[in-house]
Amino acid sequence: MNAKSPTQRVESEISKHQRNLVDLCLEEGQYESAIDVLAQLRSPNHKPSATHIRQLLFMALYSSSDRGQDKRVDPSASPSKRQKKSHLLPSLAATLASQQLLISFVTTNSPAAVIRPLRPGDPELEDDNECFVATESMCISRCKNCWQILVEGFLDRNQPILSTPKGKGKRRDVDASFTDLSEVRAPVGDTAWPVLDWLLLLFERDERENPTLPRHSPLLLEQLGSQSRRDTDAPLAIILHCMQQSDLRRRMMGSRLISLLINLSSTTHLDFPMLVVSVFNCLSTSSLDDISSLLSNLSPTPAVSKFKVALYQKYFSDSSNAPRVGVRPKPQARAQPKGSPVKLPDPPAQPVSLVNKHRAPSSAEILRLMGSKPSTSVNPTASPFRIKFELLVSYNAFQTGAAKADGDPEWPNLLRDGTMAKTLDTAFGCKGEPAGDGTNYRILLDTILTM
């Protein structure tokens, strides 16, 4: 099914009859049949039920390692009741099918329609349906943000064990023996990677379809806390965890997520210096190879290049300080001459600009940093030559791609008049010197800066 463009899409709720068809399959534990019905009902004109998306997420997150175990069954229940509930656990086929259907909904329906059960401040009411996946999946709607459902062992720590002494369907708190809350858990569990990929696809499509410039994802912004306090700790922990993976696709998820955050910081919604400092503090102990690998997968846009410049600039200052990113001075109002006031017509309302006012450093500042040493408070194993190399390459990319009003007109002059060559001699060593780290980077820079 092909999705319509955002301007053409009008999505209504699926009918009650259609919902009941799916619910009937779920009540009988026929999860694969329920998923098949949902797939057949998928349409760009009808958004899926938020409860069904929530139940798909539960099945998508269900750990295959727990199959055949009664972790979600009350140990005090009779063997017959434990066996009955074990049959309600999602099969591996149901888990894989739910993951695939979630991805399919991203291509068919609007991101806002698909992510409804995870939107903060919009709590979902309890289901009338008391089937297994309906009750078990309610923990997803109670999360403060989408990052919480990705944490290792999320379902185990939020399992509503069904207890029968006071009647069918009664819920009681999880016994402490089932979960160890003191255990340090990964920000992305082994079974949560497909769901992280699904979230990234949602945010990326939301970013593409958002008509407001600079391009950004409003749905991602919702997951970062309130306007008065944006919190990027959880997504940054996920990015760091992605960097530590050997699987290339998982590492790419970290690059995709930081790209979304960088684009958000190009607006006034997310403070640019705050994000730079947060990323620096999170990644500064990582190797420069890992950081470079993370950032090299990003699109070479001016926003990305400006962020790289600010990040590498942090290596030359104490990590507790904000990056030295200039702010465009505000125009000063001129004093009006004295005399009789003349009533002028009100000017037409101007749209509020969402572009942040943080500018890249001047060319003179970059030259100054080339003669400085990185701060001793950062990773002592980081090569000063590598840091300066990455800073220069990022700054040159920004000056090459930035709009004329945002660039520094002195940069091309420095490349032509020999000033940059002298700076490189001081920072990396003169041409013809014995091969070493500095001269190797110097050779690369001679090629890059003259392209």
Protein backbone atom coordinates (compact mmCIF):
# COMPACT_ATOMS: atom_id res chain seq x y z
CA MET A 1 0.00 0.00 0.00
CA ASN A 2 1.30 3.44 -0.88
CA ALA A 3 0.92 6.25 1.61
CA LYS A 4 -0.50 9.56 0.47
CA SER A 5 1.38 12.79 0.86
CA PRO A 6 0.86 14.65 4.17
CA THR A 7 -1.34 17.29 2.53
CA GLN A 8 -3.63 14.65 1.03
CA ARG A 9 -3.84 12.31 4.01
CA VAL A 10 -7.07 12.31 6.00
CA GLU A 11 -7.08 9.52 8.55
CA SER A 12 -10.14 8.43 10.46
CA GLU A 13 -10.39 5.81 13.18
CA ILE A 14 -11.07 2.26 12.12
CA SER A 15 -14.64 1.17 12.80
CA LYS A 16 -15.72 -0.55 15.99
CA HIS A 17 -16.57 -3.65 13.98
CA GLN A 18 -13.03 -3.79 12.57
CA ARG A 19 -11.55 -3.37 16.04
CA ASN A 20 -13.72 -6.18 17.35
CA LEU A 21 -12.45 -8.51 14.64
CA VAL A 22 -8.90 -7.99 15.89
CA ASP A 23 -9.87 -8.10 19.57
CA LEU A 24 -11.65 -11.42 19.13
CA CYS A 25 -8.48 -13.03 17.79
CA LEU A 26 -6.44 -11.52 20.63
CA GLU A 27 -8.86 -12.79 23.28
CA GLU A 28 -8.48 -16.31 21.93
CA GLY A 29 -4.68 -16.03 21.89
CA GLN A 30 -4.62 -16.18 18.09
CA TYR A 31 -1.99 -13.46 17.78
CA GLU A 32 -0.80 -14.26 14.29
CA SER A 33 -4.40 -14.18 13.04
CA ALA A 34 -4.95 -10.83 14.76
CA ILE A 35 -1.83 -9.44 13.08
CA ASP A 36 -3.02 -10.74 9.71
CA VAL A 37 -6.37 -8.97 10.17
CA LEU A 38 -4.61 -5.73 11.14
CA ALA A 39 -2.40 -6.00 8.06
CA GLN A 40 -5.47 -6.41 5.84
CA LEU A 41 -7.14 -3.38 7.46
CA ARG A 42 -4.05 -1.22 6.96
CA SER A 43 -4.97 1.87 4.94
CA PRO A 44 -3.67 5.43 4.55
CA ASN A 45 -7.24 6.61 5.14
CA HIS A 46 -7.70 4.84 8.48
CA LYS A 47 -5.27 5.09 11.37
CA PRO A 48 -4.70 1.99 13.46
CA SER A 49 -6.12 1.86 16.96
CA ALA A 50 -3.71 3.14 19.61
CA THR A 51 -4.48 0.07 21.73
CA HIS A 52 -3.58 -2.25 18.87
CA ILE A 53 -0.28 -0.43 18.30
CA ARG A 54 0.43 -0.79 22.01
CA GLN A 55 -0.31 -4.51 21.87
CA LEU A 56 1.89 -4.91 18.79
CA LEU A 57 4.71 -3.20 20.69
CA PHE A 58 4.29 -5.64 23.57
CA MET A 59 4.56 -8.62 21.24
CA ALA A 60 7.46 -7.01 19.36
CA LEU A 61 9.37 -6.52 22.62
CA TYR A 62 8.62 -9.95 24.03
CA SER A 63 11.87 -11.83 24.60
CA SER A 64 12.32 -15.07 22.71
CA SER A 65 14.63 -16.26 25.50
CA ASP A 66 11.65 -16.34 27.86
CA ARG A 67 9.57 -18.67 25.75
CA GLY A 68 8.77 -21.85 27.59
CA GLN A 69 9.45 -20.14 30.93
CA ASP A 70 6.76 -18.93 33.33
CA LYS A 71 8.33 -15.60 34.27
CA ARG A 72 5.05 -13.81 33.68
CA VAL A 73 2.95 -16.37 35.54
CA ASP A 74 2.12 -16.20 39.24
CA PRO A 75 4.21 -18.96 40.89
CA SER A 76 1.49 -19.41 43.53
CA ALA A 77 -1.09 -20.34 40.88
CA SER A 78 -2.07 -23.95 40.30
CA PRO A 79 -0.19 -25.92 37.61
CA SER A 80 -3.27 -25.96 35.37
CA LYS A 81 -3.65 -22.18 35.53
CA ARG A 82 0.07 -21.67 34.96
CA GLN A 83 -0.09 -23.90 31.90
CA LYS A 84 -3.15 -22.05 30.60
CA LYS A 85 -1.40 -18.69 30.84
CA SER A 86 1.79 -20.04 29.30
CA HIS A 87 -0.20 -20.77 26.15
CA LEU A 88 -1.04 -17.06 25.95
CA LEU A 89 2.59 -15.99 25.61
CA PRO A 90 3.41 -14.64 22.11
CA SER A 91 5.15 -17.07 19.80
CA LEU A 92 8.32 -16.22 17.93
CA ALA A 93 6.26 -15.97 14.73
CA ALA A 94 3.92 -13.47 16.41
CA THR A 95 6.87 -11.38 17.62
CA LEU A 96 8.43 -11.22 14.16
CA ALA A 97 5.07 -10.51 12.49
CA SER A 98 4.31 -7.68 14.92
CA GLN A 99 7.72 -6.10 14.27
CA GLN A 100 7.11 -6.23 10.53
CA LEU A 101 3.60 -4.80 10.80
CA LEU A 102 4.81 -1.88 12.91
CA ILE A 103 7.28 -1.02 10.15
CA SER A 104 4.51 -1.32 7.56
CA PHE A 105 2.32 1.14 9.45
CA VAL A 106 5.14 3.71 9.23
CA THR A 107 5.01 3.55 5.44
CA THR A 108 1.21 3.69 5.29
CA ASN A 109 0.03 6.06 8.01
CA SER A 110 1.17 9.37 9.43
CA PRO A 111 3.83 9.21 12.16
CA ALA A 112 1.52 11.00 14.60
CA ALA A 113 -1.15 8.34 14.11
CA VAL A 114 1.22 5.43 14.62
CA ILE A 115 3.06 6.69 17.70
CA ARG A 116 -0.08 7.59 19.67
CA PRO A 117 0.34 5.12 22.57
CA LEU A 118 3.82 6.56 23.26
CA ARG A 119 3.02 10.27 23.16
CA PRO A 120 3.65 11.94 26.56
CA GLY A 121 0.83 13.81 28.20
CA ASP A 122 -1.78 11.78 26.35
CA PRO A 123 -2.46 8.84 28.69
CA GLU A 124 -4.53 6.05 27.30
CA LEU A 125 -7.57 4.79 29.18
CA GLU A 126 -7.68 1.23 30.43
CA ASP A 127 -8.98 -1.26 27.90
CA ASP A 128 -12.40 -2.79 28.20
CA ASN A 129 -10.73 -5.80 26.66
CA GLU A 130 -9.20 -7.94 29.44
CA CYS A 131 -7.29 -10.30 27.19
CA PHE A 132 -3.71 -11.21 28.06
CA VAL A 133 -1.88 -8.80 25.72
CA ALA A 134 -4.27 -5.96 26.59
CA THR A 135 -3.52 -6.12 30.31
CA GLU A 136 0.16 -6.95 29.94
CA SER A 137 0.80 -4.10 27.51
CA MET A 138 -0.69 -1.34 29.67
CA CYS A 139 2.77 -0.68 31.12
CA ILE A 140 3.75 0.78 27.74
CA SER A 141 1.15 3.55 27.96
CA ARG A 142 2.30 4.43 31.47
CA CYS A 143 5.85 5.25 30.30
CA LYS A 144 6.98 8.86 30.44
CA ASN A 145 8.70 8.60 27.08
CA CYS A 146 9.45 6.14 24.31
CA TRP A 147 13.01 5.47 25.55
CA GLN A 148 11.75 3.58 28.60
CA ILE A 149 10.25 0.71 26.62
CA LEU A 150 13.65 0.04 25.02
CA VAL A 151 15.51 -0.58 28.28
CA GLU A 152 16.73 -4.11 28.85
CA GLY A 153 14.18 -6.15 30.80
CA PHE A 154 11.43 -3.52 30.49
CA LEU A 155 8.60 -6.05 30.23
CA ASP A 156 9.99 -8.20 33.05
CA ARG A 157 10.12 -5.24 35.42
CA ASN A 158 6.60 -4.11 34.54
CA GLN A 159 4.78 -7.42 34.39
CA PRO A 160 1.29 -7.37 35.92
CA ILE A 161 1.07 -10.90 37.34
CA LEU A 162 -2.48 -12.22 37.33
CA SER A 163 -3.50 -13.50 40.74
CA THR A 164 -6.71 -15.42 41.29
CA PRO A 165 -7.52 -15.53 45.05
CA LYS A 166 -9.86 -12.52 44.77
CA GLY A 167 -11.30 -13.28 41.39
CA LYS A 168 -10.41 -13.60 37.75
CA GLY A 169 -8.44 -10.79 36.19
CA LYS A 170 -7.27 -9.18 39.43
CA ARG A 171 -3.81 -7.68 39.30
CA ARG A 172 -1.21 -7.46 42.00
CA ASP A 173 2.25 -5.94 42.24
CA VAL A 174 5.26 -7.77 40.93
CA ASP A 175 7.10 -9.75 43.58
CA ALA A 176 10.53 -8.29 44.30
CA SER A 177 12.12 -11.68 43.72
CA PHE A 178 11.24 -11.51 40.05
CA THR A 179 13.26 -8.38 39.27
CA ASP A 180 16.49 -6.90 40.53
CA LEU A 181 15.96 -3.15 40.27
CA SER A 182 19.55 -2.47 41.37
CA GLU A 183 20.92 -4.20 38.30
CA VAL A 184 22.44 -1.90 35.69
CA ARG A 185 20.51 -2.45 32.49
CA ALA A 186 21.41 -1.60 28.91
CA PRO A 187 19.44 1.31 27.39
CA VAL A 188 18.45 -1.02 24.54
CA GLY A 189 17.57 -4.63 25.27
CA ASP A 190 18.41 -7.45 22.90
CA THR A 191 14.82 -7.67 21.64
CA ALA A 192 14.29 -3.89 21.51
CA TRP A 193 16.52 -3.15 18.51
CA PRO A 194 13.69 -3.62 15.96
CA VAL A 195 11.53 -1.24 18.02
CA LEU A 196 14.34 1.34 18.11
CA ASP A 197 14.60 1.05 14.33
CA TRP A 198 10.82 1.57 14.13
CA LEU A 199 11.03 4.70 16.29
CA LEU A 200 13.84 6.13 14.16
CA LEU A 201 11.81 5.51 11.00
CA LEU A 202 8.88 7.34 12.58
CA PHE A 203 10.99 10.34 13.61
CA GLU A 204 12.78 10.47 10.25
CA ARG A 205 9.50 10.47 8.34
CA ASP A 206 8.07 13.07 10.71
CA GLU A 207 11.13 15.22 10.03
CA ARG A 208 10.75 14.88 6.25
CA GLU A 209 7.04 15.68 6.27
CA ASN A 210 7.23 18.59 8.70
CA PRO A 211 6.78 21.76 6.58
CA THR A 212 8.38 24.00 9.22
CA LEU A 213 12.01 25.00 8.70
CA PRO A 214 14.63 24.20 9.85
CA ARG A 215 13.60 20.62 9.29
CA HIS A 216 13.09 18.73 12.52
CA SER A 217 10.81 16.17 14.12
CA PRO A 218 8.17 17.60 16.50
CA LEU A 219 7.36 14.05 17.62
CA LEU A 220 10.96 13.52 18.73
CA LEU A 221 10.84 16.83 20.58
CA GLU A 222 7.86 15.55 22.60
CA GLN A 223 10.02 12.68 23.85
CA LEU A 224 12.64 15.05 25.33
CA GLY A 225 10.60 16.45 28.20
CA SER A 226 8.82 19.75 28.64
CA GLN A 227 9.73 23.06 27.06
CA SER A 228 11.15 24.28 30.37
CA ARG A 229 13.43 21.27 30.76
CA ARG A 230 14.65 19.27 27.80
CA ASP A 231 16.30 15.98 28.74
CA THR A 232 18.59 14.26 26.24
CA ASP A 233 20.21 11.81 28.68
CA ALA A 234 18.23 8.77 27.52
CA PRO A 235 18.80 9.19 23.76
CA LEU A 236 22.49 9.98 24.35
CA ALA A 237 22.84 6.78 26.40
CA ILE A 238 21.29 4.91 23.48
CA ILE A 239 23.74 6.55 21.06
CA LEU A 240 26.69 5.53 23.23
CA HIS A 241 25.32 1.98 23.47
CA CYS A 242 24.96 1.85 19.68
CA MET A 243 28.61 2.87 19.29
CA GLN A 244 29.65 -0.13 21.38
CA GLN A 245 27.91 -2.64 19.10
CA SER A 246 29.75 -4.78 16.56
CA ASP A 247 26.72 -4.99 14.28
CA LEU A 248 26.95 -2.24 11.64
CA ARG A 249 23.19 -1.70 11.47
CA ARG A 250 23.02 -1.10 15.22
CA ARG A 251 25.93 1.33 15.04
CA MET A 252 24.11 3.18 12.26
CA MET A 253 21.10 3.60 14.54
CA GLY A 254 23.28 5.73 16.80
CA SER A 255 24.23 7.94 13.86
CA ARG A 256 20.59 8.25 12.81
CA LEU A 257 19.53 9.27 16.30
CA ILE A 258 22.24 11.89 16.77
CA SER A 259 21.39 13.29 13.33
CA LEU A 260 17.79 13.81 14.46
CA LEU A 261 18.99 15.55 17.63
CA ILE A 262 21.36 17.82 15.69
CA ASN A 263 18.55 18.88 13.38
CA LEU A 264 16.40 19.64 16.42
CA SER A 265 19.19 21.80 17.85
CA SER A 266 19.11 23.88 14.65
CA THR A 267 15.78 25.20 15.91
CA THR A 268 14.95 27.23 18.98
CA HIS A 269 13.26 24.18 20.52
CA LEU A 270 16.48 22.48 21.67
CA ASP A 271 19.37 24.51 23.07
CA PHE A 272 22.37 24.09 20.78
CA PRO A 273 25.15 24.69 23.37
CA MET A 274 23.41 22.37 25.83
CA LEU A 275 23.32 19.55 23.28
CA VAL A 276 26.98 20.10 22.38
CA VAL A 277 28.04 19.92 26.03
CA SER A 278 25.84 16.88 26.69
CA VAL A 279 27.22 14.99 23.69
CA PHE A 280 30.78 15.97 24.59
CA ASN A 281 30.41 14.79 28.18
CA CYS A 282 28.85 11.55 26.96
CA LEU A 283 31.42 10.78 24.25
CA SER A 284 34.65 12.49 25.31
CA THR A 285 36.03 9.31 26.90
CA SER A 286 35.34 7.33 23.72
CA SER A 287 38.08 6.93 21.17
CA LEU A 288 38.29 9.50 18.40
CA ASP A 289 37.94 6.65 15.92
CA ASP A 290 34.54 5.75 17.39
CA ILE A 291 33.41 9.38 17.50
CA SER A 292 34.58 9.98 13.95
CA SER A 293 32.80 6.81 12.81
CA LEU A 294 29.58 7.97 14.48
CA LEU A 295 29.71 11.41 12.88
CA SER A 296 31.01 10.32 9.48
CA ASN A 297 27.71 8.55 8.78
CA LEU A 298 25.78 11.82 9.00
CA SER A 299 24.68 13.79 5.97
CA PRO A 300 27.16 16.63 5.28
CA THR A 301 24.66 19.41 5.91
CA PRO A 302 25.67 22.82 7.31
CA ALA A 303 23.81 21.98 10.54
CA VAL A 304 25.84 18.79 10.99
CA SER A 305 29.12 20.52 10.12
CA LYS A 306 28.43 23.34 12.58
CA PHE A 307 27.71 20.79 15.30
CA LYS A 308 30.96 18.94 14.57
CA VAL A 309 32.90 22.20 14.80
CA ALA A 310 31.36 23.02 18.18
CA LEU A 311 31.98 19.48 19.44
CA TYR A 312 35.67 19.35 18.47
CA GLN A 313 36.06 22.90 19.75
CA LYS A 314 35.13 21.60 23.19
CA TYR A 315 38.40 19.66 23.33
CA PHE A 316 40.18 22.99 23.70
CA SER A 317 38.15 24.14 26.69
CA ASP A 318 37.06 22.75 30.02
CA SER A 319 34.19 20.29 29.58
CA SER A 320 32.04 22.17 32.07
CA ASN A 321 32.00 25.32 29.97
CA ALA A 322 29.66 26.00 27.12
CA PRO A 323 31.14 25.85 23.63
CA ARG A 324 32.41 29.09 22.22
CA VAL A 325 29.70 29.61 19.70
CA GLY A 326 29.10 33.20 18.75
CA VAL A 327 25.68 34.77 18.86
CA ARG A 328 24.50 37.08 16.14
CA PRO A 329 24.18 40.54 17.78
CA LYS A 330 20.66 41.84 18.10
CA PRO A 331 19.90 45.01 16.14
CA GLN A 332 19.62 48.06 18.37
CA ALA A 333 16.57 50.27 18.04
CA ARG A 334 17.37 53.86 17.11
CA ALA A 335 16.02 56.74 19.17
CA GLN A 336 13.03 58.42 17.57
CA PRO A 337 13.17 62.20 16.99
CA LYS A 338 11.02 64.35 19.24
CA GLY A 339 7.86 65.81 17.85
CA SER A 340 4.25 65.00 17.34
CA PRO A 341 3.77 61.26 17.14
CA VAL A 342 2.63 60.03 13.79
CA LYS A 343 0.37 57.03 13.88
CA LEU A 344 1.58 54.45 11.42
CA PRO A 345 -0.34 51.42 10.29
CA ASP A 346 0.54 48.21 12.10
CA PRO A 347 3.09 46.19 10.15
CA PRO A 348 1.95 42.81 8.91
CA ALA A 349 2.59 40.01 11.36
CA GLN A 350 5.86 38.24 10.67
CA PRO A 351 6.18 34.49 11.17
CA VAL A 352 8.25 33.56 14.20
CA SER A 353 11.63 32.22 13.12
CA LEU A 354 12.63 28.86 14.58
CA VAL A 355 16.25 29.16 13.46
CA ASN A 356 18.62 29.32 16.42
CA LYS A 357 20.99 32.28 16.51
CA HIS A 358 24.15 30.41 17.39
CA ARG A 359 26.82 31.02 14.81
CA ALA A 360 29.91 29.03 13.99
CA PRO A 361 33.20 30.47 15.30
CA SER A 362 35.16 32.91 13.16
CA SER A 363 38.09 31.87 11.00
CA ALA A 364 40.38 33.79 13.35
CA GLU A 365 39.18 31.65 16.27
CA ILE A 366 39.90 28.45 14.34
CA LEU A 367 43.43 29.66 13.57
CA ARG A 368 43.93 30.46 17.25
CA LEU A 369 42.88 26.95 18.24
CA MET A 370 45.39 25.47 15.81
CA GLY A 371 48.11 26.97 17.99
CA SER A 372 46.54 25.71 21.22
CA LYS A 373 46.65 22.37 22.99
CA PRO A 374 43.56 20.35 23.85
CA SER A 375 42.50 20.54 27.49
CA THR A 376 44.03 18.02 29.87
CA SER A 377 40.58 17.34 31.31
CA VAL A 378 39.54 15.36 28.24
CA ASN A 379 40.62 11.89 27.20
CA PRO A 380 44.44 11.95 27.52
CA THR A 381 44.80 9.31 24.81
CA ALA A 382 43.20 11.55 22.19
CA SER A 383 45.73 12.70 19.60
CA PRO A 384 46.00 16.52 19.44
CA PHE A 385 46.77 16.21 15.73
CA ARG A 386 43.60 14.19 15.17
CA ILE A 387 41.45 16.69 17.07
CA LYS A 388 42.82 19.63 15.09
CA PHE A 389 42.44 17.69 11.85
CA GLU A 390 38.77 16.88 12.53
CA LEU A 391 38.10 20.48 13.57
CA LEU A 392 39.62 21.92 10.40
CA VAL A 393 37.87 19.45 8.11
CA SER A 394 34.51 20.13 9.78
CA TYR A 395 34.98 23.89 9.64
CA ASN A 396 35.95 23.80 5.98
CA ALA A 397 32.85 21.67 5.24
CA PHE A 398 30.67 24.20 7.04
CA GLN A 399 32.15 27.17 5.18
CA THR A 400 31.74 25.34 1.88
CA GLY A 401 28.08 24.42 2.40
CA ALA A 402 26.74 27.28 4.53
CA ALA A 403 24.63 30.11 3.19
CA LYS A 404 26.53 33.30 2.42
CA ALA A 405 25.04 35.09 5.43
CA ASP A 406 26.23 32.34 7.79
CA GLY A 407 29.74 31.84 6.43
CA ASP A 408 32.92 33.78 7.15
CA PRO A 409 34.16 35.64 4.03
CA GLU A 410 37.70 35.58 5.42
CA TRP A 411 37.98 31.79 5.17
CA PRO A 412 38.63 31.62 1.39
CA ASN A 413 41.18 34.43 1.74
CA LEU A 414 43.08 32.52 4.42
CA LEU A 415 43.30 29.51 2.14
CA ARG A 416 44.62 31.59 -0.76
CA ASP A 417 47.02 34.08 0.84
CA GLY A 418 49.27 31.54 2.58
CA THR A 419 48.00 32.19 6.11
CA MET A 420 46.56 28.70 6.38
CA ALA A 421 49.76 27.11 5.09
CA LYS A 422 51.77 28.85 7.82
CA THR A 423 49.22 27.77 10.42
CA LEU A 424 49.47 24.16 9.26
CA ASP A 425 53.28 24.34 9.48
CA THR A 426 52.98 25.36 13.12
CA ALA A 427 50.22 22.93 14.05
CA PHE A 428 51.25 19.82 12.10
CA GLY A 429 54.82 20.32 10.93
CA CYS A 430 56.41 21.60 7.75
CA LYS A 431 56.36 19.77 4.48
CA GLY A 432 59.37 17.56 3.92
CA GLU A 433 59.79 16.68 7.59
CA PRO A 434 60.07 12.99 8.53
CA ALA A 435 56.77 11.16 8.34
CA GLY A 436 54.76 11.18 11.55
CA ASP A 437 51.25 11.74 12.86
CA GLY A 438 51.42 15.48 12.28
CA THR A 439 52.87 15.38 8.77
CA ASN A 440 50.44 12.65 7.70
CA TYR A 441 47.50 14.81 8.72
CA ARG A 442 49.18 17.78 7.04
CA ILE A 443 49.29 15.94 3.72
CA LEU A 444 45.60 15.09 3.99
CA LEU A 445 44.69 18.67 4.86
CA ASP A 446 46.63 20.04 1.90
CA THR A 447 44.40 17.92 -0.32
CA ILE A 448 41.11 18.59 1.46
CA LEU A 449 41.49 22.35 1.88
CA THR A 450 42.43 22.90 -1.76
CA MET A 451 39.52 20.94 -3.22
